[in-house]
Each structure stands twice: as C-alpha cells, then as structure tokens.
Amino acid sequence: MGQRVSVAARRSLHAFVDWLTPPKCLLCRKDVQGDASLCLSCWQGLHFIDEPVCDALGTPFAYDEGEGALSPAAIAEPPPWNKARGAVAFDHTSRQIVHLFKYRDTQEAGLAMARMMAGAGRRLLADCDLIVPVPLYRFRLWRRRFNQAALLAQHLSRHAAKPYAHDVLERRQATRSQVGLSADERQKNVRSAFAVRPEMRPRIEGKSLLLVDDVRTTGATLSACASTLKAAGAARVDVLSFALVLEPARLHIDL
C-alpha cells in the first residue's frame, strides 16, 4: 500500500513539474510530451537504421538477406568484434544531438540517445554479460568532465538490468583527435592505445561484452578496444553506438 502511494506521489510531482516547466524538444525547443525527447518534426529528421542489416557491421541492406547475413565489406575485412548495431545514421539531425551531449553537457540528450540505442541493440543487450564503455584519456576526461560513452553505458545498464563497468578498459596513450583523419590514420592513431586493467581481467574472461560508444565512424577506436578485450580473455565483444557514419557521409564528418 505504502509503495503504491509513493509511486502515485512521484507521478503527481512529475505532472506538477511538467505543468510548471513544460518539457521542450531537445533541438527546436517546442513543447513536447515528455522529458529527453524530440518533437515530431525533429524526430522525422532522424534516419533510423532498421533491419535488415549486416550482422557484423550493422550497415543497412536494401533487402532481407537472411539471418546472420554479412555485407561484402564485412566479408572482405571482418571486424574484430562479433556483432554491431547503430540506432541512427550520422547526419545533420543526429549530429546536433551528439554535440548537445558531448560538448554542451546536455544530459537529456544522452538519455534520449540511450533510449534509441536500447531499441536498436535490444538483442545485443539481452545476450551480454557486461556493458563496457570506450574510455577517454585522463586529460581529456578532466577537460570534458565526463565520458559520454560511460554515461550512455550507465543508462543502458539501468534499462536492460545488466551490469556495467566503467573501468575495464583504460586509455593509456594520449592520442590525437580523430577529427579529420583518414581511415588509415585513425587506425594508426589508436593502435596500442588501450589496455585492460589487470584487476579487471577475471571479470571479463570468458564473458560476452557489449562495447558502447556514441558515434562509429571508421570503427578504428572500437576495433582497437574490441581486440584488446578479446586478447584479455573476453569470449565475444559486440558493439553498440548511437550513430553510425554511412557512406558517403563519412567524407563530411565533423566530430
């Protein structure tokens, strides 16, 4: 009885707060129905990556090629992870959401991103034993004050009731920003940049891990992380990101 009263009280409080300060669209600031959401117009500006997709890269197919189908790119150059999914294509609208979260510390944007990621990655979340974010180098973490991948991983952990660990991976080298680098330059930039903390090895040995980041571009950073995790004993590593750069958008990325 007491618990039901408490729930009702919280709902009443939320309704009062919404009446007092109506929730706004993250992008255009129009009134919306709930917090951390978009209006219909901005929502329609997103390009969701729906199945069918390549099982390994998460890139969309023009038609359904069957369960576990791989794209020519994945066959020619298999990634070090097992499966990957992205919620939306990286474009003008999704880029605005990422920048709100990453550079303007808009926490509601992170919550909205995580909700979309949970839908796209529902099977990966169901199958994982532990959620692991891509780490930031300590100086960049100090300057930015938070790791956007870690916050996304936390939201996903709560949504799926799966354990999360922010300190499995460490970024032991201060790499250059990936902005403006070619695919080869990105791979060289992050090569040997990551390591699994020795005390965390028992926690990942033989386990299925879900590696989380905000945007996947060439996949160089996620490849380096996935390879490091598998070398440390992880049985499998899947990848989940909010946005995925699709050709030819990769030529115009600005993160």
Protein backbone atom coordinates (compact mmCIF):
# COMPACT_ATOMS: atom_id res chain seq x y z
CA MET A 1 0.00 0.00 0.00
CA GLY A 2 2.79 2.41 1.01
CA GLN A 3 4.72 1.66 -2.16
CA ARG A 4 1.65 2.41 -4.32
CA VAL A 5 1.16 5.73 -2.52
CA SER A 6 4.83 6.58 -3.09
CA VAL A 7 4.54 5.83 -6.82
CA ALA A 8 1.40 7.92 -7.08
CA ALA A 9 3.10 10.78 -5.23
CA ARG A 10 6.07 10.71 -7.61
CA ARG A 11 3.75 10.74 -10.63
CA SER A 12 1.86 13.69 -9.20
CA LEU A 13 5.12 15.54 -8.58
CA HIS A 14 6.31 14.88 -12.13
CA ALA A 15 2.97 16.05 -13.52
CA PHE A 16 3.22 19.25 -11.47
CA VAL A 17 6.79 19.91 -12.63
CA ASP A 18 5.77 19.31 -16.25
CA TRP A 19 2.89 21.77 -15.83
CA LEU A 20 5.19 24.31 -14.21
CA THR A 21 8.03 23.90 -16.72
CA PRO A 22 6.75 22.01 -19.80
CA PRO A 23 9.33 19.69 -21.38
CA LYS A 24 10.90 21.02 -24.57
CA CYS A 25 12.22 19.37 -27.73
CA LEU A 26 15.97 18.88 -27.41
CA LEU A 27 16.62 20.58 -30.73
CA CYS A 28 13.97 23.17 -31.58
CA ARG A 29 12.64 23.78 -28.02
CA LYS A 30 8.98 23.29 -28.93
CA ASP A 31 6.73 21.81 -26.24
CA VAL A 32 6.75 18.00 -26.19
CA GLN A 33 5.01 15.30 -24.16
CA GLY A 34 7.95 14.07 -22.10
CA ASP A 35 11.49 14.85 -20.99
CA ALA A 36 14.53 13.95 -23.08
CA SER A 37 12.59 13.75 -26.32
CA LEU A 38 12.10 15.35 -29.72
CA CYS A 39 9.11 16.94 -31.39
CA LEU A 40 7.57 15.10 -34.33
CA SER A 41 9.34 17.28 -36.89
CA CYS A 42 12.81 16.76 -35.39
CA TRP A 43 12.11 13.05 -34.83
CA GLN A 44 11.29 12.67 -38.51
CA GLY A 45 14.66 14.26 -39.30
CA LEU A 46 16.44 11.21 -37.88
CA HIS A 47 17.29 8.30 -40.16
CA PHE A 48 16.85 5.15 -38.10
CA ILE A 49 18.86 2.09 -39.07
CA ASP A 50 16.26 -0.65 -39.17
CA GLU A 51 16.74 -4.29 -40.01
CA PRO A 52 17.73 -5.90 -42.29
CA VAL A 53 21.34 -5.03 -41.57
CA CYS A 54 24.76 -6.63 -41.89
CA ASP A 55 25.19 -8.79 -38.80
CA ALA A 56 28.81 -7.75 -38.25
CA LEU A 57 28.77 -4.07 -39.22
CA GLY A 58 25.16 -3.06 -38.65
CA THR A 59 25.00 -1.33 -42.03
CA PRO A 60 21.60 -1.49 -43.74
CA PHE A 61 20.72 -3.86 -46.56
CA ALA A 62 18.42 -2.92 -49.41
CA TYR A 63 16.51 -6.17 -48.85
CA ASP A 64 16.46 -9.03 -46.34
CA GLU A 65 19.32 -11.45 -46.99
CA GLY A 66 18.51 -13.76 -44.12
CA GLU A 67 19.57 -14.24 -40.52
CA GLY A 68 23.26 -13.52 -39.91
CA ALA A 69 23.90 -12.17 -43.41
CA LEU A 70 27.15 -10.28 -43.93
CA SER A 71 27.86 -7.37 -46.24
CA PRO A 72 30.69 -7.51 -48.82
CA ALA A 73 32.66 -5.09 -46.63
CA ALA A 74 32.40 -7.39 -43.60
CA ILE A 75 33.40 -10.42 -45.66
CA ALA A 76 36.38 -8.65 -47.23
CA GLU A 77 37.60 -7.20 -43.92
CA PRO A 78 35.98 -8.87 -40.89
CA PRO A 79 35.92 -6.61 -37.83
CA PRO A 80 37.50 -7.78 -34.56
CA TRP A 81 34.11 -7.60 -32.83
CA ASN A 82 31.28 -10.11 -33.37
CA LYS A 83 28.14 -8.04 -34.00
CA ALA A 84 27.46 -4.33 -34.25
CA ARG A 85 24.38 -2.15 -34.25
CA GLY A 86 23.74 1.58 -34.51
CA ALA A 87 20.49 3.37 -33.77
CA VAL A 88 20.63 6.10 -36.42
CA ALA A 89 22.70 7.30 -39.35
CA PHE A 90 25.09 10.13 -38.58
CA ASP A 91 23.60 13.15 -40.32
CA HIS A 92 22.64 16.74 -39.58
CA THR A 93 19.96 15.91 -37.01
CA SER A 94 21.80 13.16 -35.12
CA ARG A 95 24.96 15.24 -35.15
CA GLN A 96 23.14 18.04 -33.31
CA ILE A 97 22.02 15.61 -30.61
CA VAL A 98 25.54 14.21 -30.21
CA HIS A 99 27.02 17.71 -29.94
CA LEU A 100 24.44 18.72 -27.32
CA PHE A 101 25.50 15.78 -25.19
CA LYS A 102 29.20 15.69 -25.92
CA TYR A 103 30.16 19.35 -25.97
CA ARG A 104 27.30 21.21 -24.26
CA ASP A 105 26.76 18.77 -21.38
CA THR A 106 23.03 18.36 -22.11
CA GLN A 107 22.29 15.25 -20.09
CA GLU A 108 18.78 14.87 -21.53
CA ALA A 109 20.38 14.37 -24.95
CA GLY A 110 22.34 11.42 -23.55
CA LEU A 111 19.19 9.88 -22.14
CA ALA A 112 17.41 10.23 -25.49
CA MET A 113 20.39 8.67 -27.27
CA ALA A 114 20.46 5.74 -24.86
CA ARG A 115 16.74 5.08 -25.33
CA MET A 116 17.23 4.83 -29.09
CA MET A 117 20.31 2.64 -28.63
CA ALA A 118 18.36 0.30 -26.36
CA GLY A 119 15.84 -0.29 -29.13
CA ALA A 120 18.43 -0.88 -31.84
CA GLY A 121 20.61 -3.06 -29.61
CA ARG A 122 17.94 -4.98 -27.72
CA ARG A 123 19.30 -8.37 -28.81
CA LEU A 124 22.88 -7.44 -28.02
CA LEU A 125 21.81 -6.18 -24.59
CA ALA A 126 19.89 -9.37 -23.91
CA ASP A 127 22.92 -11.53 -24.75
CA CYS A 128 25.67 -9.61 -22.96
CA ASP A 129 27.16 -10.30 -19.54
CA LEU A 130 28.72 -6.89 -19.02
CA ILE A 131 28.47 -3.41 -20.61
CA VAL A 132 31.79 -1.64 -21.18
CA PRO A 133 32.24 1.95 -22.47
CA VAL A 134 35.07 3.22 -24.64
CA PRO A 135 37.33 5.16 -22.23
CA LEU A 136 38.71 8.69 -22.50
CA TYR A 137 42.31 9.59 -21.77
CA ARG A 138 42.55 11.13 -18.30
CA PHE A 139 43.43 14.64 -19.52
CA ARG A 140 40.51 14.69 -21.96
CA LEU A 141 38.23 13.33 -19.24
CA TRP A 142 39.38 16.10 -16.88
CA ARG A 143 38.82 18.76 -19.53
CA ARG A 144 35.39 17.48 -20.61
CA ARG A 145 34.38 16.46 -17.05
CA PHE A 146 32.57 13.33 -18.15
CA ASN A 147 32.90 10.40 -20.52
CA GLN A 148 29.90 10.40 -22.84
CA ALA A 149 30.29 6.68 -23.62
CA ALA A 150 30.28 5.84 -19.91
CA LEU A 151 27.06 7.77 -19.31
CA LEU A 152 25.39 6.04 -22.26
CA ALA A 153 26.54 2.68 -20.86
CA GLN A 154 25.08 3.57 -17.46
CA HIS A 155 21.70 4.40 -18.99
CA LEU A 156 21.74 1.14 -20.97
CA SER A 157 22.68 -0.80 -17.84
CA ARG A 158 19.65 0.56 -15.99
CA HIS A 159 17.35 -0.02 -18.95
CA ALA A 160 18.39 -3.64 -19.51
CA ALA A 161 19.21 -4.53 -15.89
CA LYS A 162 22.68 -5.60 -16.96
CA PRO A 163 25.93 -4.98 -15.07
CA TYR A 164 28.18 -2.16 -16.19
CA ALA A 165 31.84 -1.41 -15.50
CA HIS A 166 33.46 1.88 -16.47
CA ASP A 167 36.99 0.82 -15.57
CA VAL A 168 37.58 -2.36 -17.56
CA LEU A 169 39.46 -0.52 -20.29
CA GLU A 170 41.95 2.29 -19.82
CA ARG A 171 43.28 4.65 -22.46
CA ARG A 172 46.97 4.66 -21.68
CA GLN A 173 48.09 6.93 -24.51
CA ALA A 174 47.06 10.48 -25.32
CA THR A 175 46.05 10.06 -28.95
CA ARG A 176 45.34 12.84 -31.40
CA SER A 177 41.74 13.80 -32.05
CA GLN A 178 40.25 11.57 -34.73
CA VAL A 179 38.59 14.54 -36.43
CA GLY A 180 39.83 14.99 -39.98
CA LEU A 181 41.93 11.82 -40.06
CA SER A 182 41.67 9.23 -42.82
CA ALA A 183 40.72 5.63 -42.04
CA ASP A 184 44.37 4.53 -42.05
CA GLU A 185 45.40 7.48 -39.90
CA ARG A 186 42.65 6.68 -37.40
CA GLN A 187 43.83 3.08 -37.08
CA LYS A 188 47.44 4.14 -36.54
CA ASN A 189 46.35 6.80 -34.07
CA VAL A 190 44.66 4.34 -31.69
CA ARG A 191 46.89 1.32 -32.20
CA SER A 192 48.07 0.08 -28.78
CA ALA A 193 46.23 2.98 -27.10
CA PHE A 194 44.04 0.74 -24.90
CA ALA A 195 44.66 -1.83 -22.20
CA VAL A 196 42.54 -3.92 -19.82
CA ARG A 197 43.24 -3.14 -16.19
CA PRO A 198 44.90 -6.24 -14.65
CA GLU A 199 42.44 -6.38 -11.76
CA MET A 200 39.52 -6.44 -14.21
CA ARG A 201 40.71 -9.42 -16.26
CA PRO A 202 38.91 -12.04 -14.13
CA ARG A 203 35.66 -10.14 -14.64
CA ILE A 204 35.79 -10.37 -18.45
CA GLU A 205 37.40 -13.77 -19.01
CA GLY A 206 35.01 -16.00 -20.93
CA LYS A 207 32.30 -13.33 -20.88
CA SER A 208 30.17 -11.69 -23.57
CA LEU A 209 30.79 -7.95 -23.53
CA LEU A 210 28.86 -5.06 -25.06
CA LEU A 211 31.18 -2.21 -26.04
CA VAL A 212 29.46 1.20 -26.13
CA ASP A 213 30.33 4.48 -27.86
CA ASP A 214 28.41 7.48 -29.12
CA VAL A 215 29.43 7.51 -32.81
CA ARG A 216 31.09 4.89 -35.01
CA THR A 217 32.94 6.37 -37.95
CA THR A 218 35.63 4.15 -39.47
CA GLY A 219 35.45 1.85 -36.45
CA ALA A 220 39.16 2.28 -35.65
CA THR A 221 38.67 3.08 -31.97
CA LEU A 222 36.12 0.33 -31.43
CA SER A 223 38.33 -2.14 -33.30
CA ALA A 224 41.26 -1.35 -31.03
CA CYS A 225 39.07 -1.74 -27.94
CA ALA A 226 37.48 -4.99 -29.14
CA SER A 227 40.86 -6.51 -30.00
CA THR A 228 42.21 -5.54 -26.58
CA LEU A 229 39.23 -7.07 -24.77
CA LYS A 230 39.46 -10.34 -26.70
CA ALA A 231 43.21 -10.55 -26.14
CA ALA A 232 42.48 -10.24 -22.40
CA GLY A 233 40.11 -13.22 -22.49
CA ALA A 234 36.65 -11.96 -23.46
CA ALA A 235 34.70 -14.69 -25.25
CA ARG A 236 32.93 -12.24 -27.53
CA VAL A 237 32.56 -8.50 -27.99
CA ASP A 238 29.56 -6.81 -29.58
CA VAL A 239 29.40 -3.10 -30.39
CA LEU A 240 26.55 -0.64 -29.89
CA SER A 241 26.63 3.03 -30.88
CA PHE A 242 24.07 5.79 -31.16
CA ALA A 243 25.07 6.98 -34.63
CA LEU A 244 26.79 5.21 -37.49
CA VAL A 245 28.56 7.02 -40.31
CA LEU A 246 27.37 5.61 -43.61
CA GLU A 247 28.96 6.29 -46.99
CA PRO A 248 29.22 8.88 -48.44
CA ALA A 249 28.55 10.82 -45.22
CA ARG A 250 31.94 9.70 -43.91
CA LEU A 251 33.58 12.21 -46.24
CA HIS A 252 31.88 15.11 -44.46
CA ILE A 253 32.06 14.10 -40.81
CA ASP A 254 32.87 16.79 -38.26
CA LEU A 255 33.15 15.50 -34.72
